[in-house]
């Protein structure tokens, strides 16, 4: 299996640097075809910051087979460091590609997370959008997802893909804690992607995404997201190499001798 992608390190997290097509064709699809397990984390600046404050979560992220750069802040940070990442791999886009491939090839999917209405509607929309998709099962995120009976239900369904939408940290923790129960499966935390799939939340129009303004579109629609925007700013300020790079741009050199007055 030829999936030896380049990694780019941002704040001690190794991000997979490749294109969407290569990631899917060289990593995801072969593992599905060979019934292998795979743990994918889609990480934005908030997740990176959380790994700095929570050692256990950092270990969880580092244990993943792939950490995808989901967030323009990660892309810009790597670029400023002089180690650019090939492309942003947005989790919701990866999810849609996997659902389409699953419908085409006959793989089954288990949907975990979000509210009951959102989970149900997301599955209904997935079945409409991807005819032939096999739903191994679904469970909203407000149940006891650590209950052994539930875990065994998921295991016995033998899903090929497990999508977990429980929010940052919780979804990655659930996957890490239970992936060893399974003999196969591509596992990915998808955050609010089920809400998007259900239609209860909408992605920014393509023109906003193209000009790296998806964050602003979300902020306009959901002012409460200002906390997340602040987190991105914190991410940039915490990243010493970026600050040094910006210093060079404006002509600041800490080692340069000061002029005598």
Protein backbone atom coordinates (compact mmCIF):
# COMPACT_ATOMS: atom_id res chain seq x y z
CA UNK A 1 0.00 0.00 0.00
CA UNK A 2 1.68 3.23 -1.16
CA UNK A 3 0.63 5.78 1.45
CA UNK A 4 3.97 7.17 2.55
CA UNK A 5 2.88 10.78 2.75
CA UNK A 6 5.07 13.64 3.89
CA UNK A 7 4.32 14.97 7.37
CA UNK A 8 4.55 18.61 8.39
CA UNK A 9 4.89 19.31 12.12
CA UNK A 10 2.91 22.15 13.65
CA UNK A 11 3.18 22.50 17.43
CA UNK A 12 4.31 18.89 17.92
CA UNK A 13 1.47 17.53 15.76
CA UNK A 14 2.42 15.80 12.50
CA UNK A 15 -0.02 16.74 9.78
CA UNK A 16 -0.44 14.64 6.66
CA UNK A 17 0.61 16.65 3.62
CA UNK A 18 -1.00 15.43 0.43
CA UNK A 19 -3.94 16.11 -1.86
CA UNK A 20 -7.48 14.88 -1.36
CA UNK A 21 -7.30 12.50 -4.32
CA UNK A 22 -4.01 10.94 -3.18
CA UNK A 23 -5.17 10.60 0.41
CA UNK A 24 -8.33 8.81 -0.60
CA UNK A 25 -6.80 6.59 -3.30
CA UNK A 26 -3.61 5.70 -1.41
CA UNK A 27 -4.84 5.54 2.19
CA UNK A 28 -8.59 5.31 2.71
CA UNK A 29 -9.80 3.23 -0.22
CA UNK A 30 -7.08 0.55 0.04
CA UNK A 31 -7.80 0.09 3.74
CA UNK A 32 -11.48 -0.33 3.01
CA UNK A 33 -10.73 -2.85 0.27
CA UNK A 34 -8.42 -4.84 2.55
CA UNK A 35 -10.66 -4.61 5.66
CA UNK A 36 -7.97 -2.83 7.65
CA UNK A 37 -8.40 -0.38 10.51
CA UNK A 38 -7.55 3.29 10.27
CA UNK A 39 -7.92 6.23 12.69
CA UNK A 40 -8.24 9.67 11.09
CA UNK A 41 -8.20 12.95 13.01
CA UNK A 42 -9.29 16.14 11.28
CA UNK A 43 -7.52 18.91 13.19
CA UNK A 44 -7.98 22.67 13.23
CA UNK A 45 -6.17 25.27 15.40
CA UNK A 46 -8.55 24.66 18.32
CA UNK A 47 -7.54 21.01 18.43
CA UNK A 48 -3.86 21.88 18.29
CA UNK A 49 -4.26 24.32 21.17
CA UNK A 50 -6.16 21.68 23.17
CA UNK A 51 -3.27 19.24 22.75
CA UNK A 52 -0.97 21.76 24.43
CA UNK A 53 -3.16 21.87 27.53
CA UNK A 54 -4.21 18.21 27.72
CA UNK A 55 -1.45 15.60 27.54
CA UNK A 56 -3.89 12.71 27.19
CA UNK A 57 -5.62 14.35 24.27
CA UNK A 58 -2.26 15.06 22.67
CA UNK A 59 -1.39 11.36 22.92
CA UNK A 60 -4.77 10.53 21.38
CA UNK A 61 -4.17 12.80 18.39
CA UNK A 62 -0.63 11.53 17.97
CA UNK A 63 -1.91 7.95 18.02
CA UNK A 64 -3.97 8.53 14.87
CA UNK A 65 -2.84 7.05 11.58
CA UNK A 66 -3.44 10.39 9.89
CA UNK A 67 -3.95 13.92 11.18
CA UNK A 68 -5.54 15.98 8.43
CA UNK A 69 -5.13 19.78 8.18
CA UNK A 70 -8.75 20.86 8.56
CA UNK A 71 -8.59 24.60 9.02
CA UNK A 72 -6.99 27.40 7.07
CA UNK A 73 -5.08 28.42 10.20
CA UNK A 74 -3.07 25.20 10.01
CA UNK A 75 -2.32 25.77 6.33
CA UNK A 76 -1.19 29.35 6.90
CA UNK A 77 0.89 28.42 9.93
CA UNK A 78 2.78 25.73 8.00
CA UNK A 79 3.32 28.11 5.10
CA UNK A 80 4.72 30.83 7.35
CA UNK A 81 7.10 28.27 8.87
CA UNK A 82 8.49 27.55 5.43
CA UNK A 83 7.12 24.00 5.42
CA UNK A 84 3.90 24.30 3.41
CA UNK A 85 1.22 21.62 3.48
CA UNK A 86 0.05 20.42 0.08
CA UNK A 87 -3.65 21.03 0.63
CA UNK A 88 -6.35 21.59 3.20
CA UNK A 89 -8.23 18.33 3.76
CA UNK A 90 -11.57 19.38 5.20
CA UNK A 91 -13.27 16.69 7.26
CA UNK A 92 -16.74 17.22 5.79
CA UNK A 93 -15.30 16.82 2.28
CA UNK A 94 -13.47 13.63 3.25
CA UNK A 95 -16.72 12.34 4.73
CA UNK A 96 -18.66 12.96 1.52
CA UNK A 97 -16.00 11.28 -0.60
CA UNK A 98 -16.08 8.24 1.68
CA UNK A 99 -19.87 8.06 1.59
CA UNK A 100 -19.88 8.19 -2.19
CA UNK A 101 -17.22 5.51 -2.40
CA UNK A 102 -19.06 3.36 0.13
CA UNK A 103 -22.27 3.57 -1.88
CA UNK A 104 -20.43 2.62 -5.05
CA UNK A 105 -18.48 -0.28 -3.56
CA UNK A 106 -21.03 -1.63 -1.08
CA UNK A 107 -19.33 -0.63 2.17
CA UNK A 108 -21.40 0.02 5.28
CA UNK A 109 -21.35 3.11 7.48
CA UNK A 110 -22.22 3.65 11.15
CA UNK A 111 -23.24 7.18 12.14
CA UNK A 112 -22.61 8.22 15.75
CA UNK A 113 -23.28 11.61 17.31
CA UNK A 114 -25.21 14.88 17.03
CA UNK A 115 -28.75 15.32 18.29
CA UNK A 116 -31.37 12.71 17.42
CA UNK A 117 -33.13 14.87 14.80
CA UNK A 118 -29.86 15.86 13.18
CA UNK A 119 -28.53 12.30 13.20
CA UNK A 120 -31.71 10.88 11.69
CA UNK A 121 -31.97 13.57 9.02
CA UNK A 122 -28.29 13.23 8.16
CA UNK A 123 -28.72 9.52 7.52
CA UNK A 124 -31.85 10.15 5.45
CA UNK A 125 -30.03 12.74 3.34
CA UNK A 126 -27.02 10.46 2.93
CA UNK A 127 -29.28 7.71 1.58
CA UNK A 128 -30.84 10.15 -0.87
CA UNK A 129 -27.56 11.67 -1.99
CA UNK A 130 -25.73 8.33 -2.24
CA UNK A 131 -28.18 5.67 -3.51
CA UNK A 132 -27.16 2.18 -2.48
CA UNK A 133 -25.39 3.34 0.69
CA UNK A 134 -25.53 0.67 3.38
CA UNK A 135 -26.23 2.07 6.85
CA UNK A 136 -24.83 -0.32 9.44
CA UNK A 137 -26.54 1.68 12.18
CA UNK A 138 -26.85 5.07 13.81
CA UNK A 139 -26.91 6.51 17.32
CA UNK A 140 -27.33 10.10 18.49
CA UNK A 141 -24.70 11.54 20.76
CA UNK A 142 -26.82 12.00 23.87
CA UNK A 143 -26.83 8.35 24.91
CA UNK A 144 -24.29 6.45 26.99
CA UNK A 145 -21.84 5.73 24.19
CA UNK A 146 -19.51 3.93 26.60
CA UNK A 147 -22.16 1.40 27.52
CA UNK A 148 -20.77 -2.05 26.70
CA UNK A 149 -24.06 -3.20 25.17
CA UNK A 150 -23.95 -0.28 22.73
CA UNK A 151 -20.31 -0.91 21.85
CA UNK A 152 -21.08 -4.56 21.12
CA UNK A 153 -23.99 -3.49 18.93
CA UNK A 154 -21.64 -1.39 16.82
CA UNK A 155 -19.00 -4.12 16.69
CA UNK A 156 -21.53 -6.78 15.68
CA UNK A 157 -22.74 -4.54 12.84
CA UNK A 158 -19.23 -4.87 11.32
CA UNK A 159 -19.19 -1.39 9.78
CA UNK A 160 -16.57 -0.50 7.21
CA UNK A 161 -16.70 3.18 8.14
CA UNK A 162 -17.48 4.69 11.54
CA UNK A 163 -18.21 8.42 11.60
CA UNK A 164 -18.19 9.95 15.08
CA UNK A 165 -19.65 13.43 15.59
CA UNK A 166 -19.27 14.17 19.29
CA UNK A 167 -17.20 17.32 19.18
CA UNK A 168 -13.50 17.88 19.70
CA UNK A 169 -11.72 15.61 22.17
CA UNK A 170 -14.77 13.49 22.97
CA UNK A 171 -15.02 11.97 19.50
CA UNK A 172 -11.30 11.28 19.22
CA UNK A 173 -11.29 9.81 22.72
CA UNK A 174 -14.20 7.51 21.90
CA UNK A 175 -12.42 6.21 18.82
CA UNK A 176 -9.14 5.64 20.63
CA UNK A 177 -10.89 3.84 23.48
CA UNK A 178 -12.85 1.46 21.24
CA UNK A 179 -11.04 0.94 17.96
CA UNK A 180 -9.35 -2.18 19.33
CA UNK A 181 -12.77 -3.79 19.74
CA UNK A 182 -13.12 -3.90 15.97
CA UNK A 183 -11.50 -6.13 13.35
CA UNK A 184 -11.81 -3.52 10.61
CA UNK A 185 -13.05 -0.02 9.90
CA UNK A 186 -12.04 3.48 8.92
CA UNK A 187 -12.79 5.67 11.95
CA UNK A 188 -13.00 9.45 11.72
CA UNK A 189 -14.15 12.21 14.04
CA UNK A 190 -16.29 14.60 12.03
CA UNK A 191 -17.31 17.35 14.46
CA UNK A 192 -20.38 19.17 13.16
CA UNK A 193 -20.46 17.39 9.80
CA UNK A 194 -23.66 15.50 10.61
CA UNK A 195 -25.37 18.81 11.28
CA UNK A 196 -24.18 19.97 7.86
CA UNK A 197 -25.32 16.73 6.22
CA UNK A 198 -28.72 17.04 7.90
CA UNK A 199 -29.13 20.57 6.62
CA UNK A 200 -29.37 22.03 10.11
CA UNK A 201 -26.20 24.01 9.52
CA UNK A 202 -24.81 25.25 6.24
CA UNK A 203 -21.27 25.54 4.93
CA UNK A 204 -20.08 28.83 3.51
CA UNK A 205 -20.60 29.39 -0.22
CA UNK A 206 -17.60 28.37 -2.32
CA UNK A 207 -16.54 31.97 -2.96
CA UNK A 208 -16.09 32.51 0.80
CA UNK A 209 -14.07 29.31 1.08
CA UNK A 210 -11.95 30.27 -1.93
CA UNK A 211 -10.91 33.54 -0.30
CA UNK A 212 -10.29 31.87 3.09
CA UNK A 213 -13.28 33.61 4.69
CA UNK A 214 -15.29 30.57 5.76
CA UNK A 215 -14.59 31.51 9.39
CA UNK A 216 -16.13 34.95 8.83
CA UNK A 217 -19.22 33.49 7.18
CA UNK A 218 -19.74 31.19 10.16
CA UNK A 219 -19.16 34.04 12.59
CA UNK A 220 -21.79 36.20 10.86
CA UNK A 221 -24.32 33.36 11.01
CA UNK A 222 -23.32 32.28 14.53
CA UNK A 223 -21.91 35.20 16.58
CA UNK A 224 -21.28 32.83 19.49
CA UNK A 225 -18.42 31.39 17.43
CA UNK A 226 -16.35 34.45 18.37
CA UNK A 227 -14.74 32.29 21.05
CA UNK A 228 -13.48 29.94 18.33
CA UNK A 229 -12.10 32.85 16.34
CA UNK A 230 -10.24 34.02 19.45
CA UNK A 231 -8.82 30.51 19.77
CA UNK A 232 -7.41 30.75 16.25
CA UNK A 233 -5.80 34.05 17.16
CA UNK A 234 -4.36 32.41 20.25
CA UNK A 235 -3.00 29.63 18.08
CA UNK A 236 -1.16 32.12 15.87
CA UNK A 237 0.25 34.04 18.83
CA UNK A 238 1.40 30.88 20.60
CA UNK A 239 3.31 29.66 17.59
CA UNK A 240 6.80 31.12 18.07
CA UNK A 241 8.06 30.33 14.53
CA UNK A 242 5.15 32.34 13.11
CA UNK A 243 5.88 35.31 15.35
CA UNK A 244 9.53 35.17 14.31
CA UNK A 245 8.50 35.05 10.66
CA UNK A 246 6.21 38.06 11.06
CA UNK A 247 9.04 39.85 12.82
CA UNK A 248 11.28 39.35 9.82
CA UNK A 249 8.57 40.68 7.53
CA UNK A 250 8.36 43.97 9.45
CA UNK A 251 12.13 44.18 9.80
CA UNK A 252 12.44 43.27 13.48
CA UNK A 253 15.57 41.35 14.51
CA UNK A 254 15.95 40.58 18.19
CA UNK A 255 19.68 39.98 17.83
CA UNK A 256 20.34 43.28 16.02
CA UNK A 257 22.23 45.76 18.18
CA UNK A 258 20.32 48.86 19.17
CA UNK A 259 21.54 52.17 17.87
CA UNK A 260 23.22 54.42 20.38
CA UNK A 261 21.46 57.65 21.12
